[in-house]
Amino acid sequence: MATAEDVEIEKLKLANDLGRYGLKGTLYGAWAALTAVVIIAVAQMVTGKTVVDGWAFTALVFIIVLPITAFGAFVFKRAFSMEGKLPGGAFKTKTDG
């Protein structure tokens, strides 16, 4: 039979795993976005054909990068704060940075 302390520790482990997977996914998304932007830019330079030009290219970069950055900020905030209740009392911790 699991005690209340075991349940809280398991919840913290799962929250930690969720934060790690979220941060890893954000990193992979950032690399994919950077790769896509570089491929678009290099392809336009090599072929000489303009597919996306001027403000449209800037908007494309923001559309690709902004959601990844926003999700990353959400995951970082979630990963660096935790709280739990144990039989001896409750605790709450947050890493500011």
PDB file of N, CA and C in Angstrom:
ATOM      1  N   MET A   1       0.846  -1.176   0.000  1.00  0.00           N
ATOM      2  CA  MET A   1       0.000   0.000   0.000  1.00  0.00           C
ATOM      3  C   MET A   1       0.893   1.242   0.000  1.00  0.00           C
ATOM      4  N   ALA A   2       0.615   2.136  -0.883  1.00  0.00           N
ATOM      5  CA  ALA A   2       1.408   3.365  -0.999  1.00  0.00           C
ATOM      6  C   ALA A   2       0.941   4.384   0.032  1.00  0.00           C
ATOM      7  N   THR A   3       1.919   5.028   0.642  1.00  0.00           N
ATOM      8  CA  THR A   3       1.587   6.061   1.610  1.00  0.00           C
ATOM      9  C   THR A   3       1.389   7.391   0.873  1.00  0.00           C
ATOM     10  N   ALA A   4       0.898   8.373   1.597  1.00  0.00           N
ATOM     11  CA  ALA A   4       0.690   9.700   1.009  1.00  0.00           C
ATOM     12  C   ALA A   4       2.020  10.293   0.552  1.00  0.00           C
ATOM     13  N   GLU A   5       3.073  10.001   1.305  1.00  0.00           N
ATOM     14  CA  GLU A   5       4.407  10.504   0.942  1.00  0.00           C
ATOM     15  C   GLU A   5       4.876   9.886  -0.370  1.00  0.00           C
ATOM     16  N   ASP A   6       4.643   8.587  -0.546  1.00  0.00           N
ATOM     17  CA  ASP A   6       5.024   7.919  -1.788  1.00  0.00           C
ATOM     18  C   ASP A   6       4.263   8.497  -2.987  1.00  0.00           C
ATOM     19  N   VAL A   7       2.997   8.795  -2.782  1.00  0.00           N
ATOM     20  CA  VAL A   7       2.178   9.363  -3.858  1.00  0.00           C
ATOM     21  C   VAL A   7       2.701  10.740  -4.255  1.00  0.00           C
ATOM     22  N   GLU A   8       3.021  11.573  -3.281  1.00  0.00           N
ATOM     23  CA  GLU A   8       3.540  12.922  -3.580  1.00  0.00           C
ATOM     24  C   GLU A   8       4.886  12.849  -4.284  1.00  0.00           C
ATOM     25  N   ILE A   9       5.744  11.940  -3.843  1.00  0.00           N
ATOM     26  CA  ILE A   9       7.052  11.790  -4.486  1.00  0.00           C
ATOM     27  C   ILE A   9       6.874  11.313  -5.921  1.00  0.00           C
ATOM     28  N   GLU A  10       5.957  10.403  -6.147  1.00  0.00           N
ATOM     29  CA  GLU A  10       5.706   9.924  -7.507  1.00  0.00           C
ATOM     30  C   GLU A  10       5.141  11.043  -8.386  1.00  0.00           C
ATOM     31  N   LYS A  11       4.267  11.882  -7.823  1.00  0.00           N
ATOM     32  CA  LYS A  11       3.742  13.019  -8.580  1.00  0.00           C
ATOM     33  C   LYS A  11       4.863  13.981  -8.965  1.00  0.00           C
ATOM     34  N   LEU A  12       5.798  14.219  -8.051  1.00  0.00           N
ATOM     35  CA  LEU A  12       6.925  15.099  -8.353  1.00  0.00           C
ATOM     36  C   LEU A  12       7.825  14.492  -9.425  1.00  0.00           C
ATOM     37  N   LYS A  13       8.021  13.185  -9.380  1.00  0.00           N
ATOM     38  CA  LYS A  13       8.825  12.524 -10.415  1.00  0.00           C
ATOM     39  C   LYS A  13       8.152  12.665 -11.780  1.00  0.00           C
ATOM     40  N   LEU A  14       6.849  12.465 -11.817  1.00  0.00           N
ATOM     41  CA  LEU A  14       6.121  12.598 -13.085  1.00  0.00           C
ATOM     42  C   LEU A  14       6.153  14.034 -13.596  1.00  0.00           C
ATOM     43  N   ALA A  15       6.037  15.006 -12.703  1.00  0.00           N
ATOM     44  CA  ALA A  15       6.119  16.413 -13.107  1.00  0.00           C
ATOM     45  C   ALA A  15       7.509  16.726 -13.645  1.00  0.00           C
ATOM     46  N   ASN A  16       8.533  16.155 -13.036  1.00  0.00           N
ATOM     47  CA  ASN A  16       9.893  16.343 -13.515  1.00  0.00           C
ATOM     48  C   ASN A  16      10.071  15.735 -14.905  1.00  0.00           C
ATOM     49  N   ASP A  17       9.538  14.533 -15.096  1.00  0.00           N
ATOM     50  CA  ASP A  17       9.615  13.899 -16.417  1.00  0.00           C
ATOM     51  C   ASP A  17       8.880  14.728 -17.466  1.00  0.00           C
ATOM     52  N   LEU A  18       7.712  15.245 -17.098  1.00  0.00           N
ATOM     53  CA  LEU A  18       6.946  16.081 -18.018  1.00  0.00           C
ATOM     54  C   LEU A  18       7.744  17.318 -18.419  1.00  0.00           C
ATOM     55  N   GLY A  19       8.388  17.948 -17.455  1.00  0.00           N
ATOM     56  CA  GLY A  19       9.222  19.113 -17.741  1.00  0.00           C
ATOM     57  C   GLY A  19      10.391  18.757 -18.652  1.00  0.00           C
ATOM     58  N   ARG A  20      11.049  17.627 -18.368  1.00  0.00           N
ATOM     59  CA  ARG A  20      12.193  17.205 -19.198  1.00  0.00           C
ATOM     60  C   ARG A  20      11.756  16.928 -20.633  1.00  0.00           C
ATOM     61  N   TYR A  21      10.649  16.207 -20.794  1.00  0.00           N
ATOM     62  CA  TYR A  21      10.170  15.902 -22.150  1.00  0.00           C
ATOM     63  C   TYR A  21       9.720  17.166 -22.879  1.00  0.00           C
ATOM     64  N   GLY A  22       9.098  18.070 -22.149  1.00  0.00           N
ATOM     65  CA  GLY A  22       8.673  19.330 -22.757  1.00  0.00           C
ATOM     66  C   GLY A  22       9.847  20.171 -23.212  1.00  0.00           C
ATOM     67  N   LEU A  23      10.893  20.236 -22.378  1.00  0.00           N
ATOM     68  CA  LEU A  23      12.078  20.996 -22.755  1.00  0.00           C
ATOM     69  C   LEU A  23      12.797  20.350 -23.927  1.00  0.00           C
ATOM     70  N   LYS A  24      12.846  19.026 -23.939  1.00  0.00           N
ATOM     71  CA  LYS A  24      13.483  18.318 -25.055  1.00  0.00           C
ATOM     72  C   LYS A  24      12.690  18.561 -26.352  1.00  0.00           C
ATOM     73  N   GLY A  25      11.372  18.520 -26.263  1.00  0.00           N
ATOM     74  CA  GLY A  25      10.538  18.791 -27.434  1.00  0.00           C
ATOM     75  C   GLY A  25      10.698  20.214 -27.937  1.00  0.00           C
ATOM     76  N   THR A  26      10.827  21.158 -26.998  1.00  0.00           N
ATOM     77  CA  THR A  26      11.047  22.550 -27.381  1.00  0.00           C
ATOM     78  C   THR A  26      12.378  22.703 -28.102  1.00  0.00           C
ATOM     79  N   LEU A  27      13.402  22.027 -27.604  1.00  0.00           N
ATOM     80  CA  LEU A  27      14.711  22.076 -28.257  1.00  0.00           C
ATOM     81  C   LEU A  27      14.636  21.504 -29.666  1.00  0.00           C
ATOM     82  N   TYR A  28      13.986  20.352 -29.820  1.00  0.00           N
ATOM     83  CA  TYR A  28      13.850  19.756 -31.154  1.00  0.00           C
ATOM     84  C   TYR A  28      13.046  20.668 -32.078  1.00  0.00           C
ATOM     85  N   GLY A  29      12.002  21.283 -31.553  1.00  0.00           N
ATOM     86  CA  GLY A  29      11.205  22.210 -32.355  1.00  0.00           C
ATOM     87  C   GLY A  29      12.001  23.424 -32.789  1.00  0.00           C
ATOM     88  N   ALA A  30      12.841  23.929 -31.881  1.00  0.00           N
ATOM     89  CA  ALA A  30      13.678  25.083 -32.225  1.00  0.00           C
ATOM     90  C   ALA A  30      14.675  24.719 -33.322  1.00  0.00           C
ATOM     91  N   TRP A  31      15.287  23.544 -33.218  1.00  0.00           N
ATOM     92  CA  TRP A  31      16.212  23.102 -34.271  1.00  0.00           C
ATOM     93  C   TRP A  31      15.482  22.920 -35.603  1.00  0.00           C
ATOM     94  N   ALA A  32      14.293  22.351 -35.572  1.00  0.00           N
ATOM     95  CA  ALA A  32      13.520  22.166 -36.801  1.00  0.00           C
ATOM     96  C   ALA A  32      13.143  23.507 -37.422  1.00  0.00           C
ATOM     97  N   ALA A  33      12.747  24.474 -36.588  1.00  0.00           N
ATOM     98  CA  ALA A  33      12.390  25.803 -37.098  1.00  0.00           C
ATOM     99  C   ALA A  33      13.601  26.490 -37.705  1.00  0.00           C
ATOM    100  N   LEU A  34      14.733  26.409 -37.026  1.00  0.00           N
ATOM    101  CA  LEU A  34      15.957  27.009 -37.562  1.00  0.00           C
ATOM    102  C   LEU A  34      16.341  26.362 -38.884  1.00  0.00           C
ATOM    103  N   THR A  35      16.245  25.049 -38.949  1.00  0.00           N
ATOM    104  CA  THR A  35      16.561  24.333 -40.188  1.00  0.00           C
ATOM    105  C   THR A  35      15.635  24.759 -41.320  1.00  0.00           C
ATOM    106  N   ALA A  36      14.343  24.876 -41.033  1.00  0.00           N
ATOM    107  CA  ALA A  36      13.383  25.271 -42.067  1.00  0.00           C
ATOM    108  C   ALA A  36      13.674  26.677 -42.582  1.00  0.00           C
ATOM    109  N   VAL A  37      13.962  27.605 -41.679  1.00  0.00           N
ATOM    110  CA  VAL A  37      14.246  28.979 -42.086  1.00  0.00           C
ATOM    111  C   VAL A  37      15.526  29.035 -42.922  1.00  0.00           C
ATOM    112  N   VAL A  38      16.548  28.303 -42.491  1.00  0.00           N
ATOM    113  CA  VAL A  38      17.811  28.291 -43.245  1.00  0.00           C
ATOM    114  C   VAL A  38      17.618  27.657 -44.618  1.00  0.00           C
ATOM    115  N   ILE A  39      16.872  26.577 -44.699  1.00  0.00           N
ATOM    116  CA  ILE A  39      16.621  25.933 -45.997  1.00  0.00           C
ATOM    117  C   ILE A  39      15.887  26.881 -46.927  1.00  0.00           C
ATOM    118  N   ILE A  40      14.887  27.574 -46.426  1.00  0.00           N
ATOM    119  CA  ILE A  40      14.140  28.525 -47.264  1.00  0.00           C
ATOM    120  C   ILE A  40      15.061  29.633 -47.754  1.00  0.00           C
ATOM    121  N   ALA A  41      15.861  30.185 -46.857  1.00  0.00           N
ATOM    122  CA  ALA A  41      16.755  31.284 -47.235  1.00  0.00           C
ATOM    123  C   ALA A  41      17.814  30.824 -48.230  1.00  0.00           C
ATOM    124  N   VAL A  42      18.436  29.694 -47.968  1.00  0.00           N
ATOM    125  CA  VAL A  42      19.504  29.191 -48.855  1.00  0.00           C
ATOM    126  C   VAL A  42      18.929  28.779 -50.206  1.00  0.00           C
ATOM    127  N   ALA A  43      17.760  28.141 -50.210  1.00  0.00           N
ATOM    128  CA  ALA A  43      17.145  27.733 -51.473  1.00  0.00           C
ATOM    129  C   ALA A  43      16.855  28.942 -52.352  1.00  0.00           C
ATOM    130  N   GLN A  44      16.414  30.032 -51.751  1.00  0.00           N
ATOM    131  CA  GLN A  44      16.148  31.247 -52.530  1.00  0.00           C
ATOM    132  C   GLN A  44      17.433  31.837 -53.087  1.00  0.00           C
ATOM    133  N   MET A  45      18.509  31.777 -52.315  1.00  0.00           N
ATOM    134  CA  MET A  45      19.781  32.328 -52.788  1.00  0.00           C
ATOM    135  C   MET A  45      20.382  31.457 -53.895  1.00  0.00           C
ATOM    136  N   VAL A  46      20.304  30.143 -53.745  1.00  0.00           N
ATOM    137  CA  VAL A  46      20.912  29.228 -54.713  1.00  0.00           C
ATOM    138  C   VAL A  46      20.145  29.220 -56.035  1.00  0.00           C
ATOM    139  N   THR A  47      18.826  29.155 -55.965  1.00  0.00           N
ATOM    140  CA  THR A  47      18.026  29.072 -57.196  1.00  0.00           C
ATOM    141  C   THR A  47      17.815  30.427 -57.850  1.00  0.00           C
ATOM    142  N   GLY A  48      17.922  31.481 -57.093  1.00  0.00           N
ATOM    143  CA  GLY A  48      17.682  32.807 -57.655  1.00  0.00           C
ATOM    144  C   GLY A  48      16.210  33.149 -57.764  1.00  0.00           C
ATOM    145  N   LYS A  49      15.334  32.226 -57.405  1.00  0.00           N
ATOM    146  CA  LYS A  49      13.889  32.475 -57.419  1.00  0.00           C
ATOM    147  C   LYS A  49      13.445  32.878 -56.023  1.00  0.00           C
ATOM    148  N   THR A  50      12.663  33.916 -55.964  1.00  0.00           N
ATOM    149  CA  THR A  50      12.160  34.391 -54.682  1.00  0.00           C
ATOM    150  C   THR A  50      10.803  33.760 -54.416  1.00  0.00           C
ATOM    151  N   VAL A  51      10.771  32.932 -53.407  1.00  0.00           N
ATOM    152  CA  VAL A  51       9.510  32.296 -53.017  1.00  0.00           C
ATOM    153  C   VAL A  51       8.820  33.158 -51.963  1.00  0.00           C
ATOM    154  N   VAL A  52       9.600  33.587 -50.996  1.00  0.00           N
ATOM    155  CA  VAL A  52       9.092  34.442 -49.927  1.00  0.00           C
ATOM    156  C   VAL A  52      10.015  35.647 -49.865  1.00  0.00           C
ATOM    157  N   ASP A  53       9.428  36.848 -49.897  1.00  0.00           N
ATOM    158  CA  ASP A  53      10.248  38.046 -50.005  1.00  0.00           C
ATOM    159  C   ASP A  53       9.835  39.089 -48.970  1.00  0.00           C
ATOM    160  N   GLY A  54      10.795  39.867 -48.521  1.00  0.00           N
ATOM    161  CA  GLY A  54      10.533  41.033 -47.669  1.00  0.00           C
ATOM    162  C   GLY A  54       9.814  40.713 -46.379  1.00  0.00           C
ATOM    163  N   TRP A  55       8.708  41.435 -46.166  1.00  0.00           N
ATOM    164  CA  TRP A  55       7.940  41.274 -44.935  1.00  0.00           C
ATOM    165  C   TRP A  55       7.329  39.884 -44.820  1.00  0.00           C
ATOM    166  N   ALA A  56       7.049  39.270 -45.944  1.00  0.00           N
ATOM    167  CA  ALA A  56       6.486  37.916 -45.897  1.00  0.00           C
ATOM    168  C   ALA A  56       7.494  36.940 -45.286  1.00  0.00           C
ATOM    169  N   PHE A  57       8.774  37.104 -45.611  1.00  0.00           N
ATOM    170  CA  PHE A  57       9.804  36.242 -45.028  1.00  0.00           C
ATOM    171  C   PHE A  57       9.924  36.493 -43.527  1.00  0.00           C
ATOM    172  N   THR A  58       9.883  37.762 -43.136  1.00  0.00           N
ATOM    173  CA  THR A  58       9.931  38.103 -41.708  1.00  0.00           C
ATOM    174  C   THR A  58       8.732  37.515 -40.981  1.00  0.00           C
ATOM    175  N   ALA A  59       7.559  37.631 -41.580  1.00  0.00           N
ATOM    176  CA  ALA A  59       6.354  37.066 -40.964  1.00  0.00           C
ATOM    177  C   ALA A  59       6.458  35.549 -40.862  1.00  0.00           C
ATOM    178  N   LEU A  60       7.013  34.914 -41.886  1.00  0.00           N
ATOM    179  CA  LEU A  60       7.182  33.467 -41.877  1.00  0.00           C
ATOM    180  C   LEU A  60       8.095  33.038 -40.722  1.00  0.00           C
ATOM    181  N   VAL A  61       9.183  33.763 -40.528  1.00  0.00           N
ATOM    182  CA  VAL A  61      10.099  33.443 -39.431  1.00  0.00           C
ATOM    183  C   VAL A  61       9.376  33.586 -38.093  1.00  0.00           C
ATOM    184  N   PHE A  62       8.608  34.661 -37.910  1.00  0.00           N
ATOM    185  CA  PHE A  62       7.876  34.846 -36.659  1.00  0.00           C
ATOM    186  C   PHE A  62       6.820  33.769 -36.463  1.00  0.00           C
ATOM    187  N   ILE A  63       6.135  33.391 -37.525  1.00  0.00           N
ATOM    188  CA  ILE A  63       5.093  32.361 -37.422  1.00  0.00           C
ATOM    189  C   ILE A  63       5.701  31.017 -37.035  1.00  0.00           C
ATOM    190  N   ILE A  64       6.898  30.749 -37.514  1.00  0.00           N
ATOM    191  CA  ILE A  64       7.558  29.485 -37.183  1.00  0.00           C
ATOM    192  C   ILE A  64       8.162  29.534 -35.781  1.00  0.00           C
ATOM    193  N   VAL A  65       8.800  30.619 -35.412  1.00  0.00           N
ATOM    194  CA  VAL A  65       9.580  30.689 -34.173  1.00  0.00           C
ATOM    195  C   VAL A  65       8.734  31.061 -32.952  1.00  0.00           C
ATOM    196  N   LEU A  66       7.761  31.938 -33.101  1.00  0.00           N
ATOM    197  CA  LEU A  66       7.002  32.435 -31.957  1.00  0.00           C
ATOM    198  C   LEU A  66       6.294  31.340 -31.146  1.00  0.00           C
ATOM    199  N   PRO A  67       5.578  30.398 -31.770  1.00  0.00           N
ATOM    200  CA  PRO A  67       4.925  29.365 -30.953  1.00  0.00           C
ATOM    201  C   PRO A  67       5.917  28.496 -30.182  1.00  0.00           C
ATOM    202  N   ILE A  68       7.057  28.210 -30.787  1.00  0.00           N
ATOM    203  CA  ILE A  68       8.059  27.395 -30.103  1.00  0.00           C
ATOM    204  C   ILE A  68       8.605  28.144 -28.899  1.00  0.00           C
ATOM    205  N   THR A  69       8.863  29.424 -29.064  1.00  0.00           N
ATOM    206  CA  THR A  69       9.374  30.233 -27.963  1.00  0.00           C
ATOM    207  C   THR A  69       8.338  30.341 -26.845  1.00  0.00           C
ATOM    208  N   ALA A  70       7.084  30.550 -27.200  1.00  0.00           N
ATOM    209  CA  ALA A  70       6.028  30.666 -26.191  1.00  0.00           C
ATOM    210  C   ALA A  70       5.860  29.358 -25.425  1.00  0.00           C
ATOM    211  N   PHE A  71       5.856  28.243 -26.150  1.00  0.00           N
ATOM    212  CA  PHE A  71       5.724  26.943 -25.486  1.00  0.00           C
ATOM    213  C   PHE A  71       6.932  26.673 -24.597  1.00  0.00           C
ATOM    214  N   GLY A  72       8.112  27.028 -25.073  1.00  0.00           N
ATOM    215  CA  GLY A  72       9.324  26.848 -24.278  1.00  0.00           C
ATOM    216  C   GLY A  72       9.264  27.637 -22.986  1.00  0.00           C
ATOM    217  N   ALA A  73       8.778  28.868 -23.045  1.00  0.00           N
ATOM    218  CA  ALA A  73       8.656  29.687 -21.836  1.00  0.00           C
ATOM    219  C   ALA A  73       7.671  29.061 -20.856  1.00  0.00           C
ATOM    220  N   PHE A  74       6.567  28.531 -21.373  1.00  0.00           N
ATOM    221  CA  PHE A  74       5.580  27.859 -20.526  1.00  0.00           C
ATOM    222  C   PHE A  74       6.190  26.641 -19.845  1.00  0.00           C
ATOM    223  N   VAL A  75       6.918  25.832 -20.605  1.00  0.00           N
ATOM    224  CA  VAL A  75       7.510  24.614 -20.053  1.00  0.00           C
ATOM    225  C   VAL A  75       8.591  24.952 -19.038  1.00  0.00           C
ATOM    226  N   PHE A  76       9.423  25.954 -19.327  1.00  0.00           N
ATOM    227  CA  PHE A  76      10.452  26.355 -18.369  1.00  0.00           C
ATOM    228  C   PHE A  76       9.817  26.796 -17.058  1.00  0.00           C
ATOM    229  N   LYS A  77       8.754  27.575 -17.129  1.00  0.00           N
ATOM    230  CA  LYS A  77       8.087  28.042 -15.912  1.00  0.00           C
ATOM    231  C   LYS A  77       7.542  26.847 -15.126  1.00  0.00           C
ATOM    232  N   ARG A  78       6.966  25.910 -15.841  1.00  0.00           N
ATOM    233  CA  ARG A  78       6.403  24.712 -15.197  1.00  0.00           C
ATOM    234  C   ARG A  78       7.502  23.825 -14.616  1.00  0.00           C
ATOM    235  N   ALA A  79       8.616  23.690 -15.333  1.00  0.00           N
ATOM    236  CA  ALA A  79       9.677  22.785 -14.899  1.00  0.00           C
ATOM    237  C   ALA A  79      10.441  23.320 -13.699  1.00  0.00           C
ATOM    238  N   PHE A  80      10.480  24.630 -13.522  1.00  0.00           N
ATOM    239  CA  PHE A  80      11.272  25.203 -12.448  1.00  0.00           C
ATOM    240  C   PHE A  80      10.458  25.608 -11.233  1.00  0.00           C
ATOM    241  N   SER A  81       9.251  25.101 -11.123  1.00  0.00           N
ATOM    242  CA  SER A  81       8.463  25.332  -9.920  1.00  0.00           C
ATOM    243  C   SER A  81       7.766  24.036  -9.538  1.00  0.00           C
ATOM    244  N   MET A  82       7.677  23.792  -8.254  1.00  0.00           N
ATOM    245  CA  MET A  82       6.981  22.588  -7.803  1.00  0.00           C
ATOM    246  C   MET A  82       6.436  22.822  -6.404  1.00  0.00           C
ATOM    247  N   GLU A  83       5.450  22.039  -6.073  1.00  0.00           N
ATOM    248  CA  GLU A  83       4.888  22.099  -4.739  1.00  0.00           C
ATOM    249  C   GLU A  83       4.356  20.722  -4.383  1.00  0.00           C
ATOM    250  N   GLY A  84       4.323  20.438  -3.124  1.00  0.00           N
ATOM    251  CA  GLY A  84       3.844  19.141  -2.670  1.00  0.00           C
ATOM    252  C   GLY A  84       3.410  19.195  -1.218  1.00  0.00           C
ATOM    253  N   LYS A  85       2.683  18.177  -0.814  1.00  0.00           N
ATOM    254  CA  LYS A  85       2.214  18.081   0.570  1.00  0.00           C
ATOM    255  C   LYS A  85       2.663  16.730   1.115  1.00  0.00           C
ATOM    256  N   LEU A  86       3.358  16.780   2.204  1.00  0.00           N
ATOM    257  CA  LEU A  86       3.781  15.578   2.896  1.00  0.00           C
ATOM    258  C   LEU A  86       3.119  15.568   4.265  1.00  0.00           C
ATOM    259  N   PRO A  87       3.128  14.448   4.916  1.00  0.00           N
ATOM    260  CA  PRO A  87       2.471  14.402   6.227  1.00  0.00           C
ATOM    261  C   PRO A  87       2.996  15.450   7.207  1.00  0.00           C
ATOM    262  N   GLY A  88       4.261  15.823   7.111  1.00  0.00           N
ATOM    263  CA  GLY A  88       4.829  16.812   8.022  1.00  0.00           C
ATOM    264  C   GLY A  88       4.487  18.240   7.653  1.00  0.00           C
ATOM    265  N   GLY A  89       3.903  18.472   6.513  1.00  0.00           N
ATOM    266  CA  GLY A  89       3.572  19.822   6.076  1.00  0.00           C
ATOM    267  C   GLY A  89       3.638  19.945   4.563  1.00  0.00           C
ATOM    268  N   ALA A  90       3.524  21.141   4.077  1.00  0.00           N
ATOM    269  CA  ALA A  90       3.538  21.399   2.639  1.00  0.00           C
ATOM    270  C   ALA A  90       4.792  22.181   2.281  1.00  0.00           C
ATOM    271  N   PHE A  91       5.203  22.064   1.034  1.00  0.00           N
ATOM    272  CA  PHE A  91       6.343  22.852   0.572  1.00  0.00           C
ATOM    273  C   PHE A  91       6.064  23.354  -0.834  1.00  0.00           C
ATOM    274  N   LYS A  92       6.706  24.438  -1.149  1.00  0.00           N
ATOM    275  CA  LYS A  92       6.570  25.046  -2.462  1.00  0.00           C
ATOM    276  C   LYS A  92       7.920  25.662  -2.800  1.00  0.00           C
ATOM    277  N   THR A  93       8.419  25.400  -3.993  1.00  0.00           N
ATOM    278  CA  THR A  93       9.699  25.947  -4.384  1.00  0.00           C
ATOM    279  C   THR A  93       9.616  26.461  -5.802  1.00  0.00           C
ATOM    280  N   LYS A  94      10.379  27.483  -6.077  1.00  0.00           N
ATOM    281  CA  LYS A  94      10.378  28.103  -7.397  1.00  0.00           C
ATOM    282  C   LYS A  94      11.782  28.624  -7.669  1.00  0.00           C
ATOM    283  N   THR A  95      12.263  28.365  -8.864  1.00  0.00           N
ATOM    284  CA  THR A  95      13.561  28.870  -9.269  1.00  0.00           C
ATOM    285  C   THR A  95      13.344  30.127 -10.104  1.00  0.00           C
ATOM    286  N   ASP A  96      13.834  31.250  -9.626  1.00  0.00           N
ATOM    287  CA  ASP A  96      13.719  32.485 -10.382  1.00  0.00           C
ATOM    288  C   ASP A  96      14.974  32.666 -11.209  1.00  0.00           C
ATOM    289  N   GLY A  97      14.802  33.224 -12.394  1.00  0.00           N
ATOM    290  CA  GLY A  97      15.984  33.427 -13.209  1.00  0.00           C
ATOM    291  C   GLY A  97      15.749  34.365 -14.320  1.00  0.00           C
TER     292      GLY A  97
END
